[in-house]
Amino acid sequence: MGTGGPVFALDMQAKRRGRALCERVKDLIPRQLSAVATQAPIGGRIMARETVKASRKDVLAKCYGGDVTRKRKLLEKQKEGKKRMRQFGQVDIPQSAFIAALRMGDT
């Protein structure tokens, strides 16, 4: 806040730095079983957000050709398992990823 109003130049700089930090952390965190969101909050506002996609097992690898209902059944079963796992699962984010991201920010 400058003279009663927001300073947009500082706001844009904060967004740029937040996005760069989120992208670095996204690249450093290994894929997990469920999606992991990284956010850069500044002053109570989320300036940037990146998502590390979940790793997937190819359940359709053993299905050849035509049986669409079998493929759909396998994908639905996988979706239910992911949903159950999301309720109880924990995300393991290595501390070295954050330390490396902060070190890159210093240079």
N, C-alpha and C. Protein backbone atom coordinates (compact mmCIF):
# COMPACT_ATOMS: atom_id res chain seq x y z
N MET A 1 0.84 -1.18 0.00
CA MET A 1 0.00 0.00 0.00
C MET A 1 0.89 1.24 0.00
N GLY A 2 0.64 2.05 -0.92
CA GLY A 2 1.39 3.30 -1.01
C GLY A 2 0.62 4.39 -0.30
N THR A 3 0.23 5.42 -1.01
CA THR A 3 -0.51 6.53 -0.41
C THR A 3 -2.01 6.22 -0.47
N GLY A 4 -2.42 5.26 0.32
CA GLY A 4 -3.85 4.94 0.39
C GLY A 4 -4.31 3.89 -0.61
N GLY A 5 -3.49 3.54 -1.58
CA GLY A 5 -3.89 2.55 -2.59
C GLY A 5 -2.80 1.51 -2.80
N PRO A 6 -3.13 0.44 -3.49
CA PRO A 6 -2.12 -0.60 -3.72
C PRO A 6 -1.06 -0.15 -4.72
N VAL A 7 0.14 -0.64 -4.53
CA VAL A 7 1.25 -0.35 -5.44
C VAL A 7 1.34 -1.53 -6.41
N PHE A 8 0.92 -1.34 -7.65
CA PHE A 8 0.80 -2.44 -8.59
C PHE A 8 2.15 -2.97 -9.06
N ALA A 9 3.18 -2.15 -9.06
CA ALA A 9 4.50 -2.62 -9.48
C ALA A 9 5.02 -3.66 -8.49
N LEU A 10 4.83 -3.41 -7.20
CA LEU A 10 5.26 -4.38 -6.19
C LEU A 10 4.40 -5.63 -6.24
N ASP A 11 3.12 -5.45 -6.55
CA ASP A 11 2.21 -6.58 -6.65
C ASP A 11 2.64 -7.52 -7.78
N MET A 12 3.00 -6.95 -8.91
CA MET A 12 3.44 -7.78 -10.06
C MET A 12 4.76 -8.47 -9.76
N GLN A 13 5.65 -7.77 -9.06
CA GLN A 13 6.94 -8.39 -8.70
C GLN A 13 6.72 -9.55 -7.74
N ALA A 14 5.81 -9.39 -6.79
CA ALA A 14 5.51 -10.46 -5.84
C ALA A 14 4.91 -11.66 -6.56
N LYS A 15 4.03 -11.41 -7.52
CA LYS A 15 3.44 -12.51 -8.29
C LYS A 15 4.51 -13.26 -9.07
N ARG A 16 5.42 -12.52 -9.69
CA ARG A 16 6.49 -13.15 -10.48
C ARG A 16 7.38 -14.02 -9.60
N ARG A 17 7.76 -13.49 -8.44
CA ARG A 17 8.63 -14.25 -7.55
C ARG A 17 7.91 -15.47 -6.98
N GLY A 18 6.64 -15.30 -6.64
CA GLY A 18 5.85 -16.41 -6.13
C GLY A 18 5.69 -17.52 -7.16
N ARG A 19 5.41 -17.14 -8.41
CA ARG A 19 5.26 -18.13 -9.48
C ARG A 19 6.58 -18.86 -9.74
N ALA A 20 7.68 -18.12 -9.73
CA ALA A 20 8.99 -18.74 -9.96
C ALA A 20 9.31 -19.74 -8.85
N LEU A 21 9.01 -19.38 -7.60
CA LEU A 21 9.28 -20.28 -6.48
C LEU A 21 8.40 -21.53 -6.56
N CYS A 22 7.12 -21.36 -6.91
CA CYS A 22 6.22 -22.51 -7.04
C CYS A 22 6.68 -23.44 -8.16
N GLU A 23 7.13 -22.88 -9.27
CA GLU A 23 7.61 -23.71 -10.37
C GLU A 23 8.86 -24.49 -9.97
N ARG A 24 9.77 -23.85 -9.22
CA ARG A 24 10.97 -24.55 -8.76
C ARG A 24 10.63 -25.71 -7.83
N VAL A 25 9.71 -25.46 -6.89
CA VAL A 25 9.31 -26.51 -5.95
C VAL A 25 8.62 -27.64 -6.70
N LYS A 26 7.81 -27.29 -7.70
CA LYS A 26 7.10 -28.30 -8.50
C LYS A 26 8.11 -29.21 -9.21
N ASP A 27 9.17 -28.64 -9.73
CA ASP A 27 10.17 -29.44 -10.43
C ASP A 27 10.98 -30.32 -9.48
N LEU A 28 11.12 -29.89 -8.22
CA LEU A 28 11.95 -30.62 -7.27
C LEU A 28 11.21 -31.73 -6.53
N ILE A 29 9.88 -31.58 -6.38
CA ILE A 29 9.10 -32.59 -5.65
C ILE A 29 8.84 -33.78 -6.56
N PRO A 30 9.14 -34.99 -6.10
CA PRO A 30 8.83 -36.16 -6.93
C PRO A 30 7.33 -36.41 -6.98
N ARG A 31 6.88 -37.11 -8.03
CA ARG A 31 5.46 -37.42 -8.15
C ARG A 31 5.01 -38.31 -7.01
N GLN A 32 3.83 -38.03 -6.50
CA GLN A 32 3.26 -38.79 -5.39
C GLN A 32 2.09 -39.62 -5.92
N LEU A 33 1.45 -40.37 -5.02
CA LEU A 33 0.30 -41.16 -5.42
C LEU A 33 -0.93 -40.30 -5.65
N SER A 34 -1.00 -39.14 -5.03
CA SER A 34 -2.08 -38.20 -5.29
C SER A 34 -1.47 -36.85 -5.65
N ALA A 35 -2.28 -35.99 -6.24
CA ALA A 35 -1.79 -34.68 -6.69
C ALA A 35 -1.40 -33.82 -5.49
N VAL A 36 -0.32 -33.04 -5.65
CA VAL A 36 0.18 -32.16 -4.60
C VAL A 36 0.17 -30.73 -5.13
N ALA A 37 -0.51 -29.84 -4.39
CA ALA A 37 -0.58 -28.44 -4.79
C ALA A 37 0.41 -27.63 -3.97
N THR A 38 1.20 -26.80 -4.65
CA THR A 38 2.09 -25.86 -3.96
C THR A 38 1.56 -24.46 -4.21
N GLN A 39 1.52 -23.65 -3.15
CA GLN A 39 0.98 -22.31 -3.25
C GLN A 39 1.96 -21.30 -2.68
N ALA A 40 1.89 -20.08 -3.20
CA ALA A 40 2.72 -18.99 -2.70
C ALA A 40 1.81 -17.90 -2.15
N PRO A 41 1.50 -17.96 -0.84
CA PRO A 41 0.65 -16.92 -0.26
C PRO A 41 1.49 -15.72 0.18
N ILE A 42 0.99 -14.53 -0.11
CA ILE A 42 1.66 -13.30 0.32
C ILE A 42 0.58 -12.39 0.89
N GLY A 43 0.68 -12.11 2.16
CA GLY A 43 -0.29 -11.22 2.80
C GLY A 43 -1.70 -11.77 2.78
N GLY A 44 -1.85 -13.08 2.93
CA GLY A 44 -3.19 -13.67 2.96
C GLY A 44 -3.79 -13.95 1.60
N ARG A 45 -3.12 -13.54 0.54
CA ARG A 45 -3.61 -13.80 -0.81
C ARG A 45 -2.71 -14.84 -1.48
N ILE A 46 -3.32 -15.73 -2.25
CA ILE A 46 -2.55 -16.73 -3.00
C ILE A 46 -2.08 -16.07 -4.29
N MET A 47 -0.77 -15.88 -4.41
CA MET A 47 -0.22 -15.22 -5.59
C MET A 47 0.06 -16.20 -6.72
N ALA A 48 0.42 -17.43 -6.38
CA ALA A 48 0.75 -18.42 -7.41
C ALA A 48 0.41 -19.80 -6.90
N ARG A 49 0.11 -20.71 -7.84
CA ARG A 49 -0.22 -22.09 -7.48
C ARG A 49 0.24 -23.01 -8.59
N GLU A 50 0.89 -24.08 -8.21
CA GLU A 50 1.32 -25.11 -9.16
C GLU A 50 0.92 -26.46 -8.59
N THR A 51 0.64 -27.42 -9.47
CA THR A 51 0.22 -28.74 -9.03
C THR A 51 1.17 -29.79 -9.59
N VAL A 52 1.67 -30.65 -8.70
CA VAL A 52 2.47 -31.80 -9.11
C VAL A 52 1.47 -32.91 -9.38
N LYS A 53 1.45 -33.41 -10.60
CA LYS A 53 0.46 -34.41 -10.98
C LYS A 53 0.73 -35.73 -10.27
N ALA A 54 -0.34 -36.49 -10.11
CA ALA A 54 -0.23 -37.79 -9.46
C ALA A 54 0.35 -38.82 -10.42
N SER A 55 1.10 -39.76 -9.86
CA SER A 55 1.61 -40.85 -10.69
C SER A 55 0.47 -41.83 -10.95
N ARG A 56 0.44 -42.38 -12.14
CA ARG A 56 -0.63 -43.30 -12.52
C ARG A 56 -0.07 -44.62 -12.97
N LYS A 57 -0.76 -45.68 -12.60
CA LYS A 57 -0.42 -46.99 -13.09
C LYS A 57 -1.27 -47.24 -14.34
N ASP A 58 -0.68 -47.81 -15.35
CA ASP A 58 -1.40 -48.07 -16.58
C ASP A 58 -2.21 -49.35 -16.43
N VAL A 59 -3.47 -49.21 -16.00
CA VAL A 59 -4.31 -50.39 -15.78
C VAL A 59 -4.86 -50.95 -17.08
N LEU A 60 -4.74 -50.20 -18.15
CA LEU A 60 -5.27 -50.66 -19.45
C LEU A 60 -4.21 -51.37 -20.28
N ALA A 61 -3.01 -51.55 -19.73
CA ALA A 61 -1.93 -52.16 -20.50
C ALA A 61 -2.24 -53.58 -20.91
N LYS A 62 -2.96 -54.31 -20.05
CA LYS A 62 -3.24 -55.71 -20.36
C LYS A 62 -4.49 -55.88 -21.22
N CYS A 63 -5.21 -54.78 -21.50
CA CYS A 63 -6.42 -54.86 -22.33
C CYS A 63 -6.06 -54.55 -23.77
N TYR A 64 -6.27 -55.50 -24.65
CA TYR A 64 -6.07 -55.26 -26.06
C TYR A 64 -7.40 -54.87 -26.67
N GLY A 65 -7.36 -54.17 -27.76
CA GLY A 65 -8.52 -53.96 -28.63
C GLY A 65 -9.82 -53.56 -28.00
N GLY A 66 -10.87 -54.40 -28.20
CA GLY A 66 -12.21 -53.90 -28.25
C GLY A 66 -13.07 -53.76 -27.02
N ASP A 67 -12.86 -54.45 -25.92
CA ASP A 67 -13.86 -54.48 -24.87
C ASP A 67 -13.86 -53.18 -24.07
N VAL A 68 -14.74 -52.26 -24.47
CA VAL A 68 -14.80 -50.94 -23.87
C VAL A 68 -15.33 -51.01 -22.44
N THR A 69 -16.29 -51.91 -22.20
CA THR A 69 -16.87 -52.00 -20.86
C THR A 69 -15.83 -52.47 -19.84
N ARG A 70 -14.96 -53.36 -20.25
CA ARG A 70 -13.89 -53.84 -19.35
C ARG A 70 -12.92 -52.70 -19.03
N LYS A 71 -12.57 -51.93 -20.04
CA LYS A 71 -11.67 -50.78 -19.81
C LYS A 71 -12.31 -49.78 -18.86
N ARG A 72 -13.59 -49.49 -19.08
CA ARG A 72 -14.29 -48.53 -18.23
C ARG A 72 -14.35 -49.04 -16.79
N LYS A 73 -14.59 -50.35 -16.63
CA LYS A 73 -14.65 -50.94 -15.30
C LYS A 73 -13.31 -50.80 -14.58
N LEU A 74 -12.21 -51.05 -15.30
CA LEU A 74 -10.88 -50.94 -14.69
C LEU A 74 -10.58 -49.50 -14.29
N LEU A 75 -10.94 -48.53 -15.15
CA LEU A 75 -10.68 -47.12 -14.84
C LEU A 75 -11.53 -46.66 -13.65
N GLU A 76 -12.78 -47.11 -13.58
CA GLU A 76 -13.65 -46.75 -12.44
C GLU A 76 -13.10 -47.34 -11.14
N LYS A 77 -12.62 -48.57 -11.21
CA LYS A 77 -12.05 -49.21 -10.02
C LYS A 77 -10.80 -48.45 -9.56
N GLN A 78 -9.98 -48.01 -10.51
CA GLN A 78 -8.80 -47.24 -10.18
C GLN A 78 -9.19 -45.90 -9.53
N LYS A 79 -10.24 -45.27 -10.06
CA LYS A 79 -10.70 -44.00 -9.53
C LYS A 79 -11.19 -44.14 -8.09
N GLU A 80 -11.91 -45.24 -7.81
CA GLU A 80 -12.38 -45.47 -6.45
C GLU A 80 -11.22 -45.68 -5.49
N GLY A 81 -10.21 -46.42 -5.93
CA GLY A 81 -9.03 -46.64 -5.10
C GLY A 81 -8.29 -45.35 -4.81
N LYS A 82 -8.17 -44.49 -5.81
CA LYS A 82 -7.50 -43.20 -5.62
C LYS A 82 -8.27 -42.34 -4.62
N LYS A 83 -9.61 -42.39 -4.73
CA LYS A 83 -10.44 -41.60 -3.82
C LYS A 83 -10.26 -42.07 -2.38
N ARG A 84 -10.25 -43.39 -2.18
CA ARG A 84 -10.05 -43.96 -0.85
C ARG A 84 -8.66 -43.61 -0.32
N MET A 85 -7.68 -43.67 -1.19
CA MET A 85 -6.31 -43.39 -0.79
C MET A 85 -6.13 -41.91 -0.41
N ARG A 86 -6.83 -41.03 -1.11
CA ARG A 86 -6.75 -39.60 -0.82
C ARG A 86 -7.25 -39.29 0.59
N GLN A 87 -8.22 -40.06 1.07
CA GLN A 87 -8.77 -39.82 2.40
C GLN A 87 -7.75 -40.16 3.49
N PHE A 88 -6.98 -41.23 3.29
CA PHE A 88 -6.10 -41.71 4.34
C PHE A 88 -4.62 -41.50 4.05
N GLY A 89 -4.28 -41.24 2.82
CA GLY A 89 -2.88 -41.16 2.43
C GLY A 89 -2.20 -39.89 2.90
N GLN A 90 -0.90 -39.97 3.02
CA GLN A 90 -0.10 -38.81 3.38
C GLN A 90 0.88 -38.52 2.24
N VAL A 91 1.19 -37.27 2.09
CA VAL A 91 2.11 -36.85 1.05
C VAL A 91 3.48 -36.66 1.68
N ASP A 92 4.49 -37.26 1.07
CA ASP A 92 5.85 -37.16 1.57
C ASP A 92 6.63 -36.18 0.70
N ILE A 93 6.87 -35.00 1.24
CA ILE A 93 7.62 -33.97 0.50
C ILE A 93 9.00 -33.86 1.14
N PRO A 94 10.05 -34.15 0.39
CA PRO A 94 11.38 -34.10 0.99
C PRO A 94 11.78 -32.67 1.35
N GLN A 95 12.43 -32.56 2.49
CA GLN A 95 12.87 -31.24 2.97
C GLN A 95 13.95 -30.68 2.04
N SER A 96 14.71 -31.56 1.41
CA SER A 96 15.76 -31.10 0.51
C SER A 96 15.19 -30.32 -0.67
N ALA A 97 13.95 -30.62 -1.08
CA ALA A 97 13.33 -29.89 -2.18
C ALA A 97 13.13 -28.43 -1.80
N PHE A 98 12.64 -28.17 -0.60
CA PHE A 98 12.43 -26.79 -0.16
C PHE A 98 13.74 -26.05 0.01
N ILE A 99 14.71 -26.73 0.59
CA ILE A 99 16.02 -26.09 0.79
C ILE A 99 16.64 -25.73 -0.56
N ALA A 100 16.55 -26.64 -1.53
CA ALA A 100 17.10 -26.36 -2.86
C ALA A 100 16.36 -25.22 -3.54
N ALA A 101 15.04 -25.17 -3.38
CA ALA A 101 14.26 -24.08 -3.99
C ALA A 101 14.63 -22.74 -3.39
N LEU A 102 14.80 -22.70 -2.07
CA LEU A 102 15.18 -21.44 -1.42
C LEU A 102 16.61 -21.02 -1.78
N ARG A 103 17.50 -21.99 -1.95
CA ARG A 103 18.87 -21.67 -2.37
C ARG A 103 18.89 -21.09 -3.77
N MET A 104 18.08 -21.63 -4.67
CA MET A 104 18.03 -21.10 -6.03
C MET A 104 17.48 -19.68 -6.03
N GLY A 105 16.60 -19.37 -5.06
CA GLY A 105 16.05 -18.03 -4.98
C GLY A 105 17.07 -16.99 -4.57
N ASP A 106 18.11 -17.42 -3.85
CA ASP A 106 19.15 -16.47 -3.39
C ASP A 106 20.03 -15.99 -4.53
N THR A 107 20.24 -16.83 -5.54
CA THR A 107 21.16 -16.46 -6.62
C THR A 107 20.52 -15.55 -7.62
